[in-house]
Protein backbone atom coordinates (compact mmCIF):
# COMPACT_ATOMS: atom_id res chain seq x y z
CA MET A 1 34.71 -33.45 36.18
CA GLY A 2 37.67 -32.85 38.44
CA ILE A 3 40.19 -34.91 40.34
CA ALA A 4 41.27 -34.28 43.92
CA ASP A 5 44.82 -34.48 45.20
CA THR A 6 45.63 -36.23 48.47
CA ASP A 7 44.81 -33.03 50.40
CA GLY A 8 41.29 -33.02 48.92
CA ILE A 9 41.86 -30.06 46.59
CA ILE A 10 39.89 -30.58 43.39
CA HIS A 11 41.68 -29.82 40.10
CA ASP A 12 39.34 -29.01 37.20
CA PHE A 13 40.22 -28.16 33.59
CA ALA A 14 37.63 -25.40 33.58
CA GLY A 15 38.36 -23.58 30.35
CA PRO A 16 41.03 -22.64 27.84
CA TYR A 17 44.47 -22.68 29.45
CA HIS A 18 42.98 -22.84 32.96
CA VAL A 19 42.98 -25.61 35.59
CA SER A 20 41.19 -24.37 38.67
CA GLU A 21 41.81 -25.57 42.20
CA ASP A 22 38.74 -25.93 44.45
CA ASN A 23 36.72 -23.69 42.14
CA MET A 24 34.97 -25.97 39.66
CA ALA A 25 33.50 -24.54 36.46
CA PHE A 26 29.97 -25.77 37.19
CA GLY A 27 29.91 -25.39 40.97
CA TRP A 28 30.64 -27.83 43.76
CA PRO A 29 30.32 -31.54 42.95
CA THR A 30 27.05 -33.35 43.54
CA LYS A 31 28.56 -36.80 42.95
CA TYR A 32 32.00 -38.25 43.56
CA TRP A 33 33.99 -41.45 43.06
CA GLN A 34 36.52 -41.92 45.84
CA LEU A 35 39.91 -42.81 44.34
CA ASP A 36 42.64 -44.54 46.32
CA PRO A 37 46.07 -42.85 45.93
CA TYR A 38 47.72 -46.16 46.84
CA LYS A 39 46.40 -47.59 43.54
CA ALA A 40 48.70 -45.21 41.66
CA GLN A 41 52.05 -46.70 40.72
CA GLY A 42 54.33 -45.16 43.34
CA GLY A 43 51.57 -44.45 45.86
CA PRO A 44 50.27 -41.09 47.10
CA GLU A 45 53.44 -39.14 46.26
CA ALA A 46 53.29 -40.29 42.62
CA TYR A 47 49.51 -39.70 42.57
CA ASN A 48 50.03 -36.02 43.45
CA LYS A 49 53.03 -35.63 41.16
CA MET A 50 51.23 -37.03 38.10
CA LEU A 51 48.10 -35.00 38.88
CA PHE A 52 50.29 -31.89 38.97
CA THR A 53 51.96 -32.94 35.68
CA ALA A 54 48.57 -33.41 33.97
CA SER A 55 47.37 -30.05 35.31
CA GLN A 56 50.49 -28.30 34.02
CA GLU A 57 49.95 -29.86 30.58
CA TYR A 58 46.31 -28.75 30.49
CA ARG A 59 47.27 -25.19 31.43
CA ASN A 60 48.77 -25.10 27.92
CA ARG A 61 45.71 -26.46 26.10
CA MET A 62 42.62 -25.02 24.50
CA HIS A 63 39.41 -26.40 26.02
CA ASN A 64 37.15 -28.30 23.60
CA LEU A 65 33.77 -29.54 24.82
CA CYS A 66 33.81 -32.62 22.59
CA CYS A 67 37.30 -34.05 22.69
CA ASP A 68 39.74 -32.27 25.02
CA ASN A 69 37.95 -31.28 28.19
CA CYS A 70 37.81 -31.86 31.95
CA HIS A 71 37.26 -35.61 31.43
CA SER A 72 40.41 -35.73 29.27
CA HIS A 73 42.38 -33.96 31.99
CA VAL A 74 41.33 -36.56 34.59
CA ALA A 75 42.07 -39.39 32.14
CA MET A 76 45.57 -38.02 31.49
CA ALA A 77 46.29 -37.81 35.23
CA LEU A 78 45.14 -41.42 35.75
CA ASN A 79 47.17 -42.61 32.74
CA LEU A 80 50.33 -40.85 33.93
CA MET A 81 50.05 -42.33 37.42
CA LEU A 82 49.15 -45.77 35.98
CA TYR A 83 46.13 -45.85 38.27
CA GLU A 84 45.11 -49.47 38.86
CA ASN A 85 48.06 -50.43 36.60
CA SER A 86 46.26 -49.03 33.56
CA SER A 87 47.22 -46.49 30.92
CA HIS A 88 43.92 -46.86 29.06
CA TRP A 89 41.81 -44.23 30.83
CA ASN A 90 39.59 -42.10 28.57
CA MET A 91 36.41 -40.00 28.63
CA VAL A 92 34.06 -42.89 27.87
CA LYS A 93 35.55 -45.18 30.51
CA LEU A 94 35.42 -42.40 33.11
CA CYS A 95 31.79 -41.57 32.34
CA PHE A 96 30.79 -45.22 32.66
CA LEU A 97 32.74 -45.75 35.88
CA MET A 98 31.28 -42.57 37.39
CA LEU A 99 27.80 -43.97 36.71
CA VAL A 100 28.73 -47.27 38.35
CA HIS A 101 30.90 -46.15 41.30
CA SER A 102 29.85 -42.60 42.17
CA ARG A 103 27.91 -41.53 45.24
CA TYR A 104 25.93 -38.40 45.94
CA VAL A 105 27.53 -35.80 48.17
CA ARG A 106 25.71 -35.27 51.45
CA TYR A 107 25.53 -31.68 52.60
CA ALA A 108 24.86 -30.85 56.24
CA ILE A 109 22.58 -27.91 56.88
CA VAL A 110 23.97 -25.70 59.63
CA ASP A 111 21.81 -23.06 61.32
């Protein structure tokens, strides 16, 4: 799971001490949930700033598949930006909301 900044660059806590940008650990996304940067407290500027802050924090963390992983990174970013006026984002909530709100990516085939 990754989270895109307002330029569409996906940030993914891909492994120990590493947050990738547009190079996700398990390949390009097949599903997405479109977030609205205006739902972050402070708008798009705060959205990007808090995403950067969360990414910097996770560049100092060991990756753990069970309890401190890419879902945790996204949750921290959403908590820091108070997305939808909430600071209660977590892995379980994100998994559920991805099931409810996500859409499949459509890829165009170019000859």
